[in-house]
C-alpha cells in the first residue's frame, strides 16, 4: 500500500445534515482522512472539481481561525 493517496481514492464522509430536513442541506462539504495524515475537503455538489488538502497542524490552525472569526468578514481575528 502506498504511503500517500489521492483524494479520488479515499472514502469521503458527508455531514449528516446534508440533504436532510434542515432547510435543504444541499450546500455541503465532504471530508476524508488521507493515509499520510492530511485532511481533504471537497464540495459535495461538484466532487470532480478538486479538493483542499490540509496537514493536521494546518487544519488545527484553520479551525482556530474560524472559531476566532478571522474569516467571517467581521475583522475580529
N, C-alpha and C. Protein backbone atom coordinates (compact mmCIF):
# COMPACT_ATOMS: atom_id res chain seq x y z
N UNK A 1 0.84 -1.18 0.00
CA UNK A 1 0.00 0.00 0.00
C UNK A 1 0.89 1.24 0.00
N UNK A 2 0.58 2.25 -0.83
CA UNK A 2 1.41 3.44 -0.89
C UNK A 2 1.33 4.27 0.38
N UNK A 3 2.37 5.04 0.62
CA UNK A 3 2.42 5.89 1.81
C UNK A 3 1.41 7.04 1.72
N UNK A 4 1.19 7.58 0.52
CA UNK A 4 0.21 8.64 0.33
C UNK A 4 -0.88 8.15 -0.59
N UNK A 5 -1.93 8.89 -0.68
CA UNK A 5 -3.04 8.50 -1.54
C UNK A 5 -3.65 9.74 -2.17
N UNK A 6 -4.43 9.53 -3.17
CA UNK A 6 -5.08 10.59 -3.90
C UNK A 6 -6.46 10.84 -3.29
N UNK A 7 -6.92 12.12 -3.25
CA UNK A 7 -8.28 12.37 -2.77
C UNK A 7 -9.35 11.64 -3.57
N UNK A 8 -9.04 11.23 -4.78
CA UNK A 8 -10.01 10.49 -5.59
C UNK A 8 -10.13 9.03 -5.16
N UNK A 9 -9.19 8.55 -4.34
CA UNK A 9 -9.16 7.13 -3.99
C UNK A 9 -9.48 6.85 -2.53
N UNK A 10 -10.08 7.80 -1.83
CA UNK A 10 -10.36 7.60 -0.41
C UNK A 10 -11.86 7.57 -0.15
N UNK A 11 -12.22 7.19 1.05
CA UNK A 11 -13.63 7.18 1.46
C UNK A 11 -14.01 8.57 1.96
N UNK A 12 -14.94 9.20 1.27
CA UNK A 12 -15.39 10.53 1.65
C UNK A 12 -16.57 10.43 2.60
N UNK A 13 -16.64 11.38 3.54
CA UNK A 13 -17.74 11.43 4.51
C UNK A 13 -18.46 12.75 4.35
N UNK A 14 -19.77 12.69 4.33
CA UNK A 14 -20.59 13.88 4.20
C UNK A 14 -21.34 14.11 5.51
N UNK A 15 -21.58 15.34 5.83
CA UNK A 15 -22.31 15.68 7.04
C UNK A 15 -23.68 15.02 7.06
N UNK A 16 -24.11 14.62 8.23
CA UNK A 16 -25.45 14.05 8.36
C UNK A 16 -26.52 15.11 8.12
N UNK A 17 -26.14 16.39 8.14
CA UNK A 17 -27.08 17.47 7.86
C UNK A 17 -27.29 17.66 6.36
N UNK A 18 -26.44 17.11 5.54
CA UNK A 18 -26.53 17.29 4.10
C UNK A 18 -27.72 16.51 3.54
N UNK A 19 -28.59 17.21 2.83
CA UNK A 19 -29.74 16.56 2.21
C UNK A 19 -30.84 16.20 3.17
N UNK A 20 -30.72 16.62 4.41
CA UNK A 20 -31.74 16.29 5.40
C UNK A 20 -32.88 17.28 5.42
N UNK A 21 -33.59 17.31 6.51
CA UNK A 21 -34.77 18.16 6.64
C UNK A 21 -34.44 19.50 7.29
N UNK A 22 -33.19 19.91 7.22
CA UNK A 22 -32.77 21.15 7.87
C UNK A 22 -32.75 22.34 6.90
N UNK A 23 -33.74 22.44 6.04
CA UNK A 23 -33.80 23.56 5.11
C UNK A 23 -33.09 23.28 3.80
N UNK A 24 -33.05 22.08 3.38
CA UNK A 24 -32.43 21.74 2.10
C UNK A 24 -31.14 20.96 2.28
N UNK A 25 -30.18 21.57 2.93
CA UNK A 25 -28.95 20.87 3.25
C UNK A 25 -28.12 20.42 2.07
N UNK A 26 -28.30 21.02 0.91
CA UNK A 26 -27.56 20.54 -0.25
C UNK A 26 -26.21 21.22 -0.41
N UNK A 27 -25.98 22.35 0.26
CA UNK A 27 -24.70 23.04 0.20
C UNK A 27 -23.82 22.48 1.31
N UNK A 28 -23.03 21.50 0.96
CA UNK A 28 -22.28 20.79 1.97
C UNK A 28 -20.89 20.43 1.45
N UNK A 29 -20.02 20.13 2.37
CA UNK A 29 -18.70 19.65 2.02
C UNK A 29 -18.56 18.21 2.48
N UNK A 30 -17.64 17.51 1.85
CA UNK A 30 -17.27 16.17 2.26
C UNK A 30 -15.83 16.22 2.76
N UNK A 31 -15.50 15.33 3.64
CA UNK A 31 -14.15 15.29 4.17
C UNK A 31 -13.61 13.86 4.13
N UNK A 32 -12.30 13.76 4.03
CA UNK A 32 -11.65 12.45 4.02
C UNK A 32 -10.31 12.57 4.71
N UNK A 33 -9.92 11.54 5.41
CA UNK A 33 -8.60 11.46 6.02
C UNK A 33 -7.70 10.65 5.10
N UNK A 34 -6.62 11.26 4.63
CA UNK A 34 -5.69 10.58 3.74
C UNK A 34 -4.71 9.72 4.53
N UNK A 35 -4.14 8.74 3.89
CA UNK A 35 -3.24 7.81 4.56
C UNK A 35 -2.01 8.50 5.15
N UNK A 36 -1.59 9.61 4.53
CA UNK A 36 -0.40 10.30 5.04
C UNK A 36 -0.74 11.29 6.16
N UNK A 37 -1.99 11.30 6.63
CA UNK A 37 -2.39 12.14 7.75
C UNK A 37 -3.04 13.45 7.36
N UNK A 38 -3.00 13.81 6.08
CA UNK A 38 -3.66 15.05 5.67
C UNK A 38 -5.17 14.88 5.69
N UNK A 39 -5.86 16.01 5.76
CA UNK A 39 -7.31 16.04 5.74
C UNK A 39 -7.73 16.72 4.44
N UNK A 40 -8.66 16.11 3.71
CA UNK A 40 -9.13 16.65 2.44
C UNK A 40 -10.57 17.09 2.56
N UNK A 41 -10.91 18.21 1.88
CA UNK A 41 -12.27 18.72 1.82
C UNK A 41 -12.63 18.96 0.37
N UNK A 42 -13.89 18.69 0.02
CA UNK A 42 -14.36 18.99 -1.33
C UNK A 42 -15.84 19.35 -1.28
N UNK A 43 -16.31 19.99 -2.34
CA UNK A 43 -17.71 20.38 -2.48
C UNK A 43 -18.51 19.14 -2.84
N UNK A 44 -19.52 18.82 -2.06
CA UNK A 44 -20.29 17.60 -2.31
C UNK A 44 -21.10 17.68 -3.61
N UNK A 45 -21.40 18.90 -4.07
CA UNK A 45 -22.15 19.06 -5.31
C UNK A 45 -21.27 18.91 -6.55
N UNK A 46 -19.96 19.08 -6.39
CA UNK A 46 -19.03 19.02 -7.52
C UNK A 46 -17.74 18.32 -7.10
N UNK A 47 -17.82 17.04 -6.78
CA UNK A 47 -16.64 16.33 -6.26
C UNK A 47 -15.48 16.25 -7.24
N UNK A 48 -15.75 16.39 -8.53
CA UNK A 48 -14.67 16.33 -9.50
C UNK A 48 -13.88 17.62 -9.64
N UNK A 49 -14.30 18.67 -8.95
CA UNK A 49 -13.65 19.97 -9.07
C UNK A 49 -12.33 20.06 -8.29
N UNK A 50 -12.03 19.07 -7.50
CA UNK A 50 -10.80 19.10 -6.72
C UNK A 50 -11.08 19.16 -5.23
N UNK A 51 -10.02 19.18 -4.47
CA UNK A 51 -10.14 19.17 -3.02
C UNK A 51 -9.10 20.08 -2.40
N UNK A 52 -9.43 20.60 -1.23
CA UNK A 52 -8.46 21.34 -0.42
C UNK A 52 -7.79 20.33 0.50
N UNK A 53 -6.48 20.42 0.62
CA UNK A 53 -5.73 19.50 1.47
C UNK A 53 -5.07 20.27 2.60
N UNK A 54 -5.23 19.78 3.81
CA UNK A 54 -4.63 20.39 4.98
C UNK A 54 -3.77 19.36 5.71
N UNK A 55 -2.63 19.79 6.24
CA UNK A 55 -1.92 18.95 7.20
C UNK A 55 -2.75 19.00 8.49
N UNK A 56 -2.46 18.12 9.41
CA UNK A 56 -3.21 18.16 10.68
C UNK A 56 -2.94 19.46 11.42
N UNK A 57 -1.70 19.93 11.37
CA UNK A 57 -1.35 21.21 12.01
C UNK A 57 -2.07 22.36 11.31
N UNK A 58 -2.07 22.33 9.98
CA UNK A 58 -2.77 23.36 9.22
C UNK A 58 -4.26 23.35 9.49
N UNK A 59 -4.84 22.17 9.61
CA UNK A 59 -6.27 22.04 9.90
C UNK A 59 -6.59 22.64 11.26
N UNK A 60 -5.76 22.35 12.25
CA UNK A 60 -5.97 22.89 13.59
C UNK A 60 -5.88 24.42 13.57
N UNK A 61 -4.91 24.97 12.82
CA UNK A 61 -4.77 26.42 12.73
C UNK A 61 -5.96 27.05 12.02
N UNK A 62 -6.43 26.42 10.96
CA UNK A 62 -7.59 26.94 10.22
C UNK A 62 -8.84 26.93 11.11
N UNK A 63 -9.08 25.83 11.82
CA UNK A 63 -10.24 25.76 12.72
C UNK A 63 -10.15 26.82 13.82
N UNK A 64 -8.96 27.04 14.36
CA UNK A 64 -8.79 28.08 15.38
C UNK A 64 -9.13 29.45 14.79
N UNK A 65 -8.72 29.70 13.54
CA UNK A 65 -9.04 30.96 12.88
C UNK A 65 -10.53 31.13 12.65
N UNK A 66 -11.20 30.05 12.25
CA UNK A 66 -12.65 30.10 12.05
C UNK A 66 -13.34 30.43 13.36
N UNK A 67 -12.95 29.74 14.42
CA UNK A 67 -13.57 29.98 15.73
C UNK A 67 -13.31 31.40 16.23
N UNK A 68 -12.17 31.99 15.85
CA UNK A 68 -11.83 33.34 16.27
C UNK A 68 -12.46 34.40 15.38
N UNK A 69 -13.16 34.00 14.30
CA UNK A 69 -13.81 34.94 13.42
C UNK A 69 -12.90 35.58 12.39
N UNK A 70 -11.75 34.98 12.13
CA UNK A 70 -10.78 35.57 11.20
C UNK A 70 -11.23 35.54 9.76
N UNK A 71 -12.19 34.71 9.41
CA UNK A 71 -12.58 34.55 8.01
C UNK A 71 -14.03 34.95 7.74
N UNK A 72 -14.68 35.58 8.70
CA UNK A 72 -16.10 35.89 8.50
C UNK A 72 -16.37 37.34 8.14
N UNK A 73 -15.33 38.12 7.90
CA UNK A 73 -15.50 39.49 7.48
C UNK A 73 -15.79 40.49 8.59
N UNK A 74 -15.73 40.03 9.84
CA UNK A 74 -16.02 40.95 10.94
C UNK A 74 -14.77 41.68 11.42
N UNK A 75 -13.60 41.18 11.03
CA UNK A 75 -12.36 41.82 11.47
C UNK A 75 -12.01 41.56 12.92
N UNK A 76 -12.65 40.54 13.51
CA UNK A 76 -12.39 40.24 14.93
C UNK A 76 -11.10 39.48 15.14
N UNK A 77 -10.56 38.83 14.11
CA UNK A 77 -9.40 37.98 14.28
C UNK A 77 -8.12 38.59 14.11
